PDB file of N, CA and C in Angstrom:
ATOM      1  N   MET A   1     -68.501 111.566  81.122  1.00  0.00           N
ATOM      2  CA  MET A   1     -68.229 110.397  81.947  1.00  0.00           C
ATOM      3  C   MET A   1     -68.484 110.742  83.401  1.00  0.00           C
ATOM      4  N   LYS A   2     -69.186 109.877  84.082  1.00  0.00           N
ATOM      5  CA  LYS A   2     -69.456 110.075  85.501  1.00  0.00           C
ATOM      6  C   LYS A   2     -68.541 109.160  86.311  1.00  0.00           C
ATOM      7  N   PHE A   3     -67.948 109.721  87.354  1.00  0.00           N
ATOM      8  CA  PHE A   3     -67.024 108.986  88.204  1.00  0.00           C
ATOM      9  C   PHE A   3     -67.746 108.502  89.454  1.00  0.00           C
ATOM     10  N   GLN A   4     -67.393 107.301  89.897  1.00  0.00           N
ATOM     11  CA  GLN A   4     -67.931 106.759  91.142  1.00  0.00           C
ATOM     12  C   GLN A   4     -67.174 107.396  92.301  1.00  0.00           C
ATOM     13  N   LEU A   5     -67.885 107.793  93.345  1.00  0.00           N
ATOM     14  CA  LEU A   5     -67.280 108.411  94.517  1.00  0.00           C
ATOM     15  C   LEU A   5     -67.092 107.390  95.627  1.00  0.00           C
ATOM     16  N   LEU A   6     -65.901 107.356  96.182  1.00  0.00           N
ATOM     17  CA  LEU A   6     -65.583 106.499  97.328  1.00  0.00           C
ATOM     18  C   LEU A   6     -64.970 107.377  98.410  1.00  0.00           C
ATOM     19  N   LEU A   7     -65.391 107.189  99.652  1.00  0.00           N
ATOM     20  CA  LEU A   7     -64.837 107.966 100.759  1.00  0.00           C
ATOM     21  C   LEU A   7     -64.119 107.054 101.738  1.00  0.00           C
ATOM     22  N   ASP A   8     -62.905 107.421 102.064  1.00  0.00           N
ATOM     23  CA  ASP A   8     -62.150 106.737 103.103  1.00  0.00           C
ATOM     24  C   ASP A   8     -62.914 106.944 104.421  1.00  0.00           C
ATOM     25  N   PRO A   9     -62.983 105.932 105.277  1.00  0.00           N
ATOM     26  CA  PRO A   9     -63.662 106.117 106.570  1.00  0.00           C
ATOM     27  C   PRO A   9     -63.098 107.292 107.374  1.00  0.00           C
ATOM     28  N   ARG A  10     -61.800 107.552 107.217  1.00  0.00           N
ATOM     29  CA  ARG A  10     -61.206 108.698 107.919  1.00  0.00           C
ATOM     30  C   ARG A  10     -61.732 110.017 107.356  1.00  0.00           C
ATOM     31  N   ALA A  11     -62.025 110.062 106.061  1.00  0.00           N
ATOM     32  CA  ALA A  11     -62.604 111.265 105.457  1.00  0.00           C
ATOM     33  C   ALA A  11     -64.017 111.491 106.005  1.00  0.00           C
ATOM     34  N   ILE A  12     -64.749 110.404 106.169  1.00  0.00           N
ATOM     35  CA  ILE A  12     -66.096 110.511 106.759  1.00  0.00           C
ATOM     36  C   ILE A  12     -65.992 111.061 108.177  1.00  0.00           C
ATOM     37  N   ASP A  13     -64.996 110.589 108.928  1.00  0.00           N
ATOM     38  CA  ASP A  13     -64.773 111.112 110.286  1.00  0.00           C
ATOM     39  C   ASP A  13     -64.419 112.598 110.243  1.00  0.00           C
ATOM     40  N   ASP A  14     -63.555 112.983 109.301  1.00  0.00           N
ATOM     41  CA  ASP A  14     -63.185 114.397 109.153  1.00  0.00           C
ATOM     42  C   ASP A  14     -64.430 115.250 108.936  1.00  0.00           C
ATOM     43  N   ILE A  15     -65.267 114.806 108.015  1.00  0.00           N
ATOM     44  CA  ILE A  15     -66.479 115.550 107.675  1.00  0.00           C
ATOM     45  C   ILE A  15     -67.401 115.649 108.886  1.00  0.00           C
ATOM     46  N   GLN A  16     -67.603 114.541 109.579  1.00  0.00           N
ATOM     47  CA  GLN A  16     -68.488 114.548 110.743  1.00  0.00           C
ATOM     48  C   GLN A  16     -67.945 115.445 111.845  1.00  0.00           C
ATOM     49  N   ASN A  17     -66.635 115.454 112.039  1.00  0.00           N
ATOM     50  CA  ASN A  17     -66.036 116.322 113.058  1.00  0.00           C
ATOM     51  C   ASN A  17     -66.280 117.794 112.749  1.00  0.00           C
ATOM     52  N   VAL A  18     -66.177 118.159 111.477  1.00  0.00           N
ATOM     53  CA  VAL A  18     -66.423 119.553 111.084  1.00  0.00           C
ATOM     54  C   VAL A  18     -67.899 119.899 111.286  1.00  0.00           C
ATOM     55  N   ILE A  19     -68.782 119.015 110.879  1.00  0.00           N
ATOM     56  CA  ILE A  19     -70.224 119.249 111.075  1.00  0.00           C
ATOM     57  C   ILE A  19     -70.541 119.408 112.563  1.00  0.00           C
ATOM     58  N   ASP A  20     -69.971 118.531 113.386  1.00  0.00           N
ATOM     59  CA  ASP A  20     -70.193 118.617 114.835  1.00  0.00           C
ATOM     60  C   ASP A  20     -69.681 119.948 115.388  1.00  0.00           C
ATOM     61  N   TYR A  21     -68.498 120.363 114.927  1.00  0.00           N
ATOM     62  CA  TYR A  21     -67.931 121.636 115.387  1.00  0.00           C
ATOM     63  C   TYR A  21     -68.863 122.791 115.027  1.00  0.00           C
ATOM     64  N   TYR A  22     -69.297 122.852 113.776  1.00  0.00           N
ATOM     65  CA  TYR A  22     -70.192 123.940 113.368  1.00  0.00           C
ATOM     66  C   TYR A  22     -71.531 123.865 114.089  1.00  0.00           C
ATOM     67  N   ASN A  23     -72.030 122.682 114.374  1.00  0.00           N
ATOM     68  CA  ASN A  23     -73.286 122.556 115.124  1.00  0.00           C
ATOM     69  C   ASN A  23     -73.139 123.067 116.551  1.00  0.00           C
ATOM     70  N   GLU A  24     -71.938 122.945 117.122  1.00  0.00           N
ATOM     71  CA  GLU A  24     -71.698 123.490 118.461  1.00  0.00           C
ATOM     72  C   GLU A  24     -71.774 125.018 118.439  1.00  0.00           C
ATOM     73  N   GLN A  25     -71.391 125.614 117.322  1.00  0.00           N
ATOM     74  CA  GLN A  25     -71.437 127.069 117.192  1.00  0.00           C
ATOM     75  C   GLN A  25     -72.878 127.549 117.024  1.00  0.00           C
ATOM     76  N   SER A  26     -73.622 126.850 116.174  1.00  0.00           N
ATOM     77  CA  SER A  26     -75.033 127.155 115.912  1.00  0.00           C
ATOM     78  C   SER A  26     -75.632 125.949 115.201  1.00  0.00           C
ATOM     79  N   GLN A  27     -76.800 125.529 115.623  1.00  0.00           N
ATOM     80  CA  GLN A  27     -77.410 124.302 115.104  1.00  0.00           C
ATOM     81  C   GLN A  27     -77.491 124.276 113.579  1.00  0.00           C
ATOM     82  N   SER A  28     -77.777 125.380 112.958  1.00  0.00           N
ATOM     83  CA  SER A  28     -77.954 125.374 111.499  1.00  0.00           C
ATOM     84  C   SER A  28     -76.629 125.423 110.735  1.00  0.00           C
ATOM     85  N   LEU A  29     -75.539 125.804 111.384  1.00  0.00           N
ATOM     86  CA  LEU A  29     -74.265 125.920 110.667  1.00  0.00           C
ATOM     87  C   LEU A  29     -73.761 124.574 110.149  1.00  0.00           C
ATOM     88  N   GLY A  30     -73.889 123.521 110.944  1.00  0.00           N
ATOM     89  CA  GLY A  30     -73.441 122.203 110.510  1.00  0.00           C
ATOM     90  C   GLY A  30     -74.200 121.730 109.285  1.00  0.00           C
ATOM     91  N   GLU A  31     -75.497 121.961 109.276  1.00  0.00           N
ATOM     92  CA  GLU A  31     -76.329 121.565 108.136  1.00  0.00           C
ATOM     93  C   GLU A  31     -75.954 122.367 106.889  1.00  0.00           C
ATOM     94  N   LYS A  32     -75.716 123.662 107.052  1.00  0.00           N
ATOM     95  CA  LYS A  32     -75.307 124.508 105.919  1.00  0.00           C
ATOM     96  C   LYS A  32     -73.979 124.027 105.344  1.00  0.00           C
ATOM     97  N   PHE A  33     -73.030 123.719 106.248  1.00  0.00           N
ATOM     98  CA  PHE A  33     -71.732 123.232 105.786  1.00  0.00           C
ATOM     99  C   PHE A  33     -71.890 121.912 105.031  1.00  0.00           C
ATOM    100  N   GLU A  34     -72.692 121.006 105.570  1.00  0.00           N
ATOM    101  CA  GLU A  34     -72.877 119.700 104.930  1.00  0.00           C
ATOM    102  C   GLU A  34     -73.471 119.844 103.529  1.00  0.00           C
ATOM    103  N   LYS A  35     -74.475 120.687 103.378  1.00  0.00           N
ATOM    104  CA  LYS A  35     -75.073 120.915 102.058  1.00  0.00           C
ATOM    105  C   LYS A  35     -74.052 121.521 101.090  1.00  0.00           C
ATOM    106  N   TYR A  36     -73.281 122.469 101.584  1.00  0.00           N
ATOM    107  CA  TYR A  36     -72.260 123.120 100.763  1.00  0.00           C
ATOM    108  C   TYR A  36     -71.206 122.105 100.320  1.00  0.00           C
ATOM    109  N   LEU A  37     -70.720 121.305 101.252  1.00  0.00           N
ATOM    110  CA  LEU A  37     -69.708 120.296 100.943  1.00  0.00           C
ATOM    111  C   LEU A  37     -70.243 119.262  99.961  1.00  0.00           C
ATOM    112  N   ASN A  38     -71.488 118.836 100.137  1.00  0.00           N
ATOM    113  CA  ASN A  38     -72.073 117.835  99.237  1.00  0.00           C
ATOM    114  C   ASN A  38     -72.090 118.308  97.790  1.00  0.00           C
ATOM    115  N   LYS A  39     -72.297 119.591  97.564  1.00  0.00           N
ATOM    116  CA  LYS A  39     -72.257 120.130  96.198  1.00  0.00           C
ATOM    117  C   LYS A  39     -70.873 119.934  95.582  1.00  0.00           C
ATOM    118  N   TYR A  40     -69.836 120.145  96.379  1.00  0.00           N
ATOM    119  CA  TYR A  40     -68.468 119.953  95.895  1.00  0.00           C
ATOM    120  C   TYR A  40     -68.197 118.476  95.614  1.00  0.00           C
ATOM    121  N   ILE A  41     -68.634 117.624  96.524  1.00  0.00           N
ATOM    122  CA  ILE A  41     -68.400 116.185  96.358  1.00  0.00           C
ATOM    123  C   ILE A  41     -69.138 115.664  95.128  1.00  0.00           C
ATOM    124  N   ILE A  42     -70.378 116.073  94.951  1.00  0.00           N
ATOM    125  CA  ILE A  42     -71.135 115.653  93.763  1.00  0.00           C
ATOM    126  C   ILE A  42     -70.463 116.190  92.497  1.00  0.00           C
ATOM    127  N   GLY A  43     -69.942 117.399  92.576  1.00  0.00           N
ATOM    128  CA  GLY A  43     -69.222 117.971  91.442  1.00  0.00           C
ATOM    129  C   GLY A  43     -68.005 117.149  91.049  1.00  0.00           C
ATOM    130  N   LEU A  44     -67.363 116.519  92.029  1.00  0.00           N
ATOM    131  CA  LEU A  44     -66.205 115.667  91.723  1.00  0.00           C
ATOM    132  C   LEU A  44     -66.598 114.462  90.882  1.00  0.00           C
ATOM    133  N   SER A  45     -67.829 114.011  91.010  1.00  0.00           N
ATOM    134  CA  SER A  45     -68.263 112.862  90.208  1.00  0.00           C
ATOM    135  C   SER A  45     -68.393 113.239  88.727  1.00  0.00           C
ATOM    136  N   LYS A  46     -68.520 114.518  88.446  1.00  0.00           N
ATOM    137  CA  LYS A  46     -68.652 114.989  87.070  1.00  0.00           C
ATOM    138  C   LYS A  46     -67.336 115.501  86.497  1.00  0.00           C
ATOM    139  N   ASN A  47     -66.534 116.152  87.346  1.00  0.00           N
ATOM    140  CA  ASN A  47     -65.266 116.708  86.887  1.00  0.00           C
ATOM    141  C   ASN A  47     -64.246 116.701  88.028  1.00  0.00           C
ATOM    142  N   PRO A  48     -63.451 115.634  88.136  1.00  0.00           N
ATOM    143  CA  PRO A  48     -62.496 115.547  89.241  1.00  0.00           C
ATOM    144  C   PRO A  48     -61.090 116.059  88.906  1.00  0.00           C
ATOM    145  N   PHE A  49     -60.917 116.678  87.756  1.00  0.00           N
ATOM    146  CA  PHE A  49     -59.569 117.012  87.300  1.00  0.00           C
ATOM    147  C   PHE A  49     -59.114 118.374  87.812  1.00  0.00           C
ATOM    148  N   PHE A  50     -58.890 118.439  89.114  1.00  0.00           N
ATOM    149  CA  PHE A  50     -58.381 119.645  89.741  1.00  0.00           C
ATOM    150  C   PHE A  50     -56.896 119.484  89.985  1.00  0.00           C
ATOM    151  N   GLN A  51     -56.289 120.524  90.483  1.00  0.00           N
ATOM    152  CA  GLN A  51     -54.843 120.582  90.647  1.00  0.00           C
ATOM    153  C   GLN A  51     -54.293 119.398  91.433  1.00  0.00           C
ATOM    154  N   LYS A  52     -53.236 118.804  90.859  1.00  0.00           N
ATOM    155  CA  LYS A  52     -52.502 117.764  91.576  1.00  0.00           C
ATOM    156  C   LYS A  52     -51.517 118.477  92.490  1.00  0.00           C
ATOM    157  N   ARG A  53     -51.576 118.162  93.765  1.00  0.00           N
ATOM    158  CA  ARG A  53     -50.689 118.835  94.717  1.00  0.00           C
ATOM    159  C   ARG A  53     -49.428 118.026  95.009  1.00  0.00           C
ATOM    160  N   TYR A  54     -49.570 116.716  95.124  1.00  0.00           N
ATOM    161  CA  TYR A  54     -48.422 115.863  95.404  1.00  0.00           C
ATOM    162  C   TYR A  54     -48.755 114.448  94.981  1.00  0.00           C
ATOM    163  N   ASP A  55     -47.750 113.728  94.526  1.00  0.00           N
ATOM    164  CA  ASP A  55     -47.928 112.374  94.010  1.00  0.00           C
ATOM    165  C   ASP A  55     -49.155 112.346  93.086  1.00  0.00           C
ATOM    166  N   GLU A  56     -50.118 111.525  93.390  1.00  0.00           N
ATOM    167  CA  GLU A  56     -51.339 111.432  92.586  1.00  0.00           C
ATOM    168  C   GLU A  56     -52.549 112.018  93.318  1.00  0.00           C
ATOM    169  N   VAL A  57     -52.292 112.851  94.311  1.00  0.00           N
ATOM    170  CA  VAL A  57     -53.371 113.416  95.118  1.00  0.00           C
ATOM    171  C   VAL A  57     -53.751 114.800  94.584  1.00  0.00           C
ATOM    172  N   HIS A  58     -55.028 114.941  94.288  1.00  0.00           N
ATOM    173  CA  HIS A  58     -55.591 116.205  93.833  1.00  0.00           C
ATOM    174  C   HIS A  58     -56.222 116.909  95.027  1.00  0.00           C
ATOM    175  N   CYS A  59     -56.348 118.221  94.927  1.00  0.00           N
ATOM    176  CA  CYS A  59     -56.958 118.989  96.005  1.00  0.00           C
ATOM    177  C   CYS A  59     -57.989 119.954  95.441  1.00  0.00           C
ATOM    178  N   LEU A  60     -59.108 120.031  96.114  1.00  0.00           N
ATOM    179  CA  LEU A  60     -60.177 120.944  95.734  1.00  0.00           C
ATOM    180  C   LEU A  60     -60.511 121.811  96.938  1.00  0.00           C
ATOM    181  N   PRO A  61     -60.151 123.105  96.902  1.00  0.00           N
ATOM    182  CA  PRO A  61     -60.485 123.980  98.027  1.00  0.00           C
ATOM    183  C   PRO A  61     -61.956 124.385  98.008  1.00  0.00           C
ATOM    184  N   LEU A  62     -62.526 124.507  99.197  1.00  0.00           N
ATOM    185  CA  LEU A  62     -63.883 125.024  99.332  1.00  0.00           C
ATOM    186  C   LEU A  62     -63.767 126.544  99.383  1.00  0.00           C
ATOM    187  N   LYS A  63     -64.623 127.237  98.684  1.00  0.00           N
ATOM    188  CA  LYS A  63     -64.522 128.699  98.616  1.00  0.00           C
ATOM    189  C   LYS A  63     -64.983 129.397  99.888  1.00  0.00           C
ATOM    190  N   LYS A  64     -66.052 128.916 100.500  1.00  0.00           N
ATOM    191  CA  LYS A  64     -66.625 129.608 101.665  1.00  0.00           C
ATOM    192  C   LYS A  64     -66.061 129.145 103.003  1.00  0.00           C
ATOM    193  N   TYR A  65     -65.376 128.026 103.017  1.00  0.00           N
ATOM    194  CA  TYR A  65     -64.881 127.451 104.269  1.00  0.00           C
ATOM    195  C   TYR A  65     -63.398 127.144 104.121  1.00  0.00           C
ATOM    196  N   PRO A  66     -62.641 127.160 105.239  1.00  0.00           N
ATOM    197  CA  PRO A  66     -61.192 126.933 105.162  1.00  0.00           C
ATOM    198  C   PRO A  66     -60.824 125.442 105.125  1.00  0.00           C
ATOM    199  N   PHE A  67     -61.354 124.740 104.124  1.00  0.00           N
ATOM    200  CA  PHE A  67     -61.089 123.316 103.992  1.00  0.00           C
ATOM    201  C   PHE A  67     -60.748 122.976 102.555  1.00  0.00           C
ATOM    202  N   MET A  68     -60.059 121.850 102.404  1.00  0.00           N
ATOM    203  CA  MET A  68     -59.681 121.362 101.092  1.00  0.00           C
ATOM    204  C   MET A  68     -59.944 119.853 101.054  1.00  0.00           C
ATOM    205  N   ILE A  69     -60.563 119.402  99.968  1.00  0.00           N
ATOM    206  CA  ILE A  69     -60.827 117.977  99.774  1.00  0.00           C
ATOM    207  C   ILE A  69     -59.598 117.382  99.093  1.00  0.00           C
ATOM    208  N   HIS A  70     -59.026 116.339  99.683  1.00  0.00           N
ATOM    209  CA  HIS A  70     -57.877 115.633  99.107  1.00  0.00           C
ATOM    210  C   HIS A  70     -58.383 114.314  98.528  1.00  0.00           C
ATOM    211  N   PHE A  71     -58.075 114.063  97.254  1.00  0.00           N
ATOM    212  CA  PHE A  71     -58.620 112.881  96.598  1.00  0.00           C
ATOM    213  C   PHE A  71     -57.702 112.388  95.496  1.00  0.00           C
ATOM    214  N   SER A  72     -57.927 111.156  95.091  1.00  0.00           N
ATOM    215  CA  SER A  72     -57.199 110.538  93.977  1.00  0.00           C
ATOM    216  C   SER A  72     -58.193 110.055  92.944  1.00  0.00           C
ATOM    217  N   ILE A  73     -57.737 109.993  91.699  1.00  0.00           N
ATOM    218  CA  ILE A  73     -58.559 109.466  90.608  1.00  0.00           C
ATOM    219  C   ILE A  73     -57.939 108.144  90.181  1.00  0.00           C
ATOM    220  N   ILE A  74     -58.727 107.084  90.245  1.00  0.00           N
ATOM    221  CA  ILE A  74     -58.269 105.762  89.848  1.00  0.00           C
ATOM    222  C   ILE A  74     -59.292 105.222  88.853  1.00  0.00           C
ATOM    223  N   LYS A  75     -58.898 105.220  87.595  1.00  0.00           N
ATOM    224  CA  LYS A  75     -59.787 104.817  86.488  1.00  0.00           C
ATOM    225  C   LYS A  75     -61.053 105.671  86.515  1.00  0.00           C
ATOM    226  N   ASP A  76     -62.201 105.072  86.781  1.00  0.00           N
ATOM    227  CA  ASP A  76     -63.453 105.825  86.790  1.00  0.00           C
ATOM    228  C   ASP A  76     -63.964 106.074  88.211  1.00  0.00           C
ATOM    229  N   GLN A  77     -63.018 106.115  89.173  1.00  0.00           N
ATOM    230  CA  GLN A  77     -63.384 106.326  90.572  1.00  0.00           C
ATOM    231  C   GLN A  77     -62.648 107.530  91.148  1.00  0.00           C
ATOM    232  N   VAL A  78     -63.333 108.258  91.990  1.00  0.00           N
ATOM    233  CA  VAL A  78     -62.729 109.335  92.765  1.00  0.00           C
ATOM    234  C   VAL A  78     -62.715 108.864  94.206  1.00  0.00           C
ATOM    235  N   PHE A  79     -61.522 108.738  94.762  1.00  0.00           N
ATOM    236  CA  PHE A  79     -61.371 108.262  96.137  1.00  0.00           C
ATOM    237  C   PHE A  79     -61.009 109.452  97.016  1.00  0.00           C
ATOM    238  N   ILE A  80     -61.926 109.849  97.895  1.00  0.00           N
ATOM    239  CA  ILE A  80     -61.694 110.986  98.782  1.00  0.00           C
ATOM    240  C   ILE A  80     -60.951 110.497 100.019  1.00  0.00           C
ATOM    241  N   HIS A  81     -59.748 111.038 100.199  1.00  0.00           N
ATOM    242  CA  HIS A  81     -58.887 110.625 101.310  1.00  0.00           C
ATOM    243  C   HIS A  81     -59.201 111.383 102.599  1.00  0.00           C
ATOM    244  N   ALA A  82     -59.420 112.710 102.455  1.00  0.00           N
ATOM    245  CA  ALA A  82     -59.541 113.528 103.657  1.00  0.00           C
ATOM    246  C   ALA A  82     -60.162 114.878 103.340  1.00  0.00           C
ATOM    247  N   LEU A  83     -60.669 115.503 104.384  1.00  0.00           N
ATOM    248  CA  LEU A  83     -61.078 116.897 104.354  1.00  0.00           C
ATOM    249  C   LEU A  83     -60.143 117.609 105.321  1.00  0.00           C
ATOM    250  N   ILE A  84     -59.281 118.461 104.797  1.00  0.00           N
ATOM    251  CA  ILE A  84     -58.224 119.068 105.600  1.00  0.00           C
ATOM    252  C   ILE A  84     -58.503 120.554 105.813  1.00  0.00           C
ATOM    253  N   HIS A  85     -58.352 121.002 107.046  1.00  0.00           N
ATOM    254  CA  HIS A  85     -58.442 122.424 107.358  1.00  0.00           C
ATOM    255  C   HIS A  85     -57.205 123.093 106.782  1.00  0.00           C
ATOM    256  N   THR A  86     -57.377 124.142 106.022  1.00  0.00           N
ATOM    257  CA  THR A  86     -56.249 124.751 105.306  1.00  0.00           C
ATOM    258  C   THR A  86     -55.312 125.545 106.207  1.00  0.00           C
ATOM    259  N   LYS A  87     -55.723 125.817 107.423  1.00  0.00           N
ATOM    260  CA  LYS A  87     -54.861 126.574 108.327  1.00  0.00           C
ATOM    261  C   LYS A  87     -54.102 125.679 109.305  1.00  0.00           C
ATOM    262  N   LEU A  88     -54.313 124.362 109.198  1.00  0.00           N
ATOM    263  CA  LEU A  88     -53.610 123.413 110.060  1.00  0.00           C
ATOM    264  C   LEU A  88     -52.555 122.662 109.255  1.00  0.00           C
ATOM    265  N   ASN A  89     -51.588 122.107 109.933  1.00  0.00           N
ATOM    266  CA  ASN A  89     -50.555 121.322 109.296  1.00  0.00           C
ATOM    267  C   ASN A  89     -51.143 119.971 108.894  1.00  0.00           C
ATOM    268  N   PRO A  90     -51.229 119.674 107.575  1.00  0.00           N
ATOM    269  CA  PRO A  90     -51.871 118.421 107.159  1.00  0.00           C
ATOM    270  C   PRO A  90     -51.156 117.172 107.651  1.00  0.00           C
ATOM    271  N   SER A  91     -49.860 117.250 107.901  1.00  0.00           N
ATOM    272  CA  SER A  91     -49.151 116.058 108.374  1.00  0.00           C
ATOM    273  C   SER A  91     -49.597 115.673 109.780  1.00  0.00           C
ATOM    274  N   LYS A  92     -50.213 116.593 110.496  1.00  0.00           N
ATOM    275  CA  LYS A  92     -50.692 116.281 111.839  1.00  0.00           C
ATOM    276  C   LYS A  92     -52.085 115.678 111.848  1.00  0.00           C
ATOM    277  N   ASN A  93     -52.862 115.873 110.757  1.00  0.00           N
ATOM    278  CA  ASN A  93     -54.228 115.360 110.799  1.00  0.00           C
ATOM    279  C   ASN A  93     -54.585 114.475 109.612  1.00  0.00           C
ATOM    280  N   TRP A  94     -53.585 114.040 108.841  1.00  0.00           N
ATOM    281  CA  TRP A  94     -53.876 113.088 107.768  1.00  0.00           C
ATOM    282  C   TRP A  94     -52.633 112.265 107.484  1.00  0.00           C
ATOM    283  N   ILE A  95     -52.770 110.963 107.543  1.00  0.00           N
ATOM    284  CA  ILE A  95     -51.680 110.060 107.224  1.00  0.00           C
ATOM    285  C   ILE A  95     -51.938 109.531 105.829  1.00  0.00           C
ATOM    286  N   LYS A  96     -51.071 109.861 104.898  1.00  0.00           N
ATOM    287  CA  LYS A  96     -51.233 109.447 103.521  1.00  0.00           C
ATOM    288  C   LYS A  96     -50.989 107.953 103.410  1.00  0.00           C
ATOM    289  N   LYS A  97     -51.809 107.295 102.588  1.00  0.00           N
ATOM    290  CA  LYS A  97     -51.642 105.856 102.364  1.00  0.00           C
ATOM    291  C   LYS A  97     -50.445 105.603 101.487  1.00  0.00           C
TER     292      LYS A  97
END
């Protein structure tokens, strides 16, 4: 079964902010991060059943970067809420719906 992917506009902002940050460090870093993240996001469309951390929110950590994708599964949809830096307090940079 393939799941439809939906991204919260705030998640898109999170992703763009990280890409912009890495591009400030080196032009190719943002592109590398984006390609790496896209593999994880596409993978969620095939298998979204990762650890539930709280309520109905699942989390998928990125192996090479200090970020975690926060998402929910609703029927045949994966709704990505946020991309959270794992070393920051999530309550400061993500307001749960």
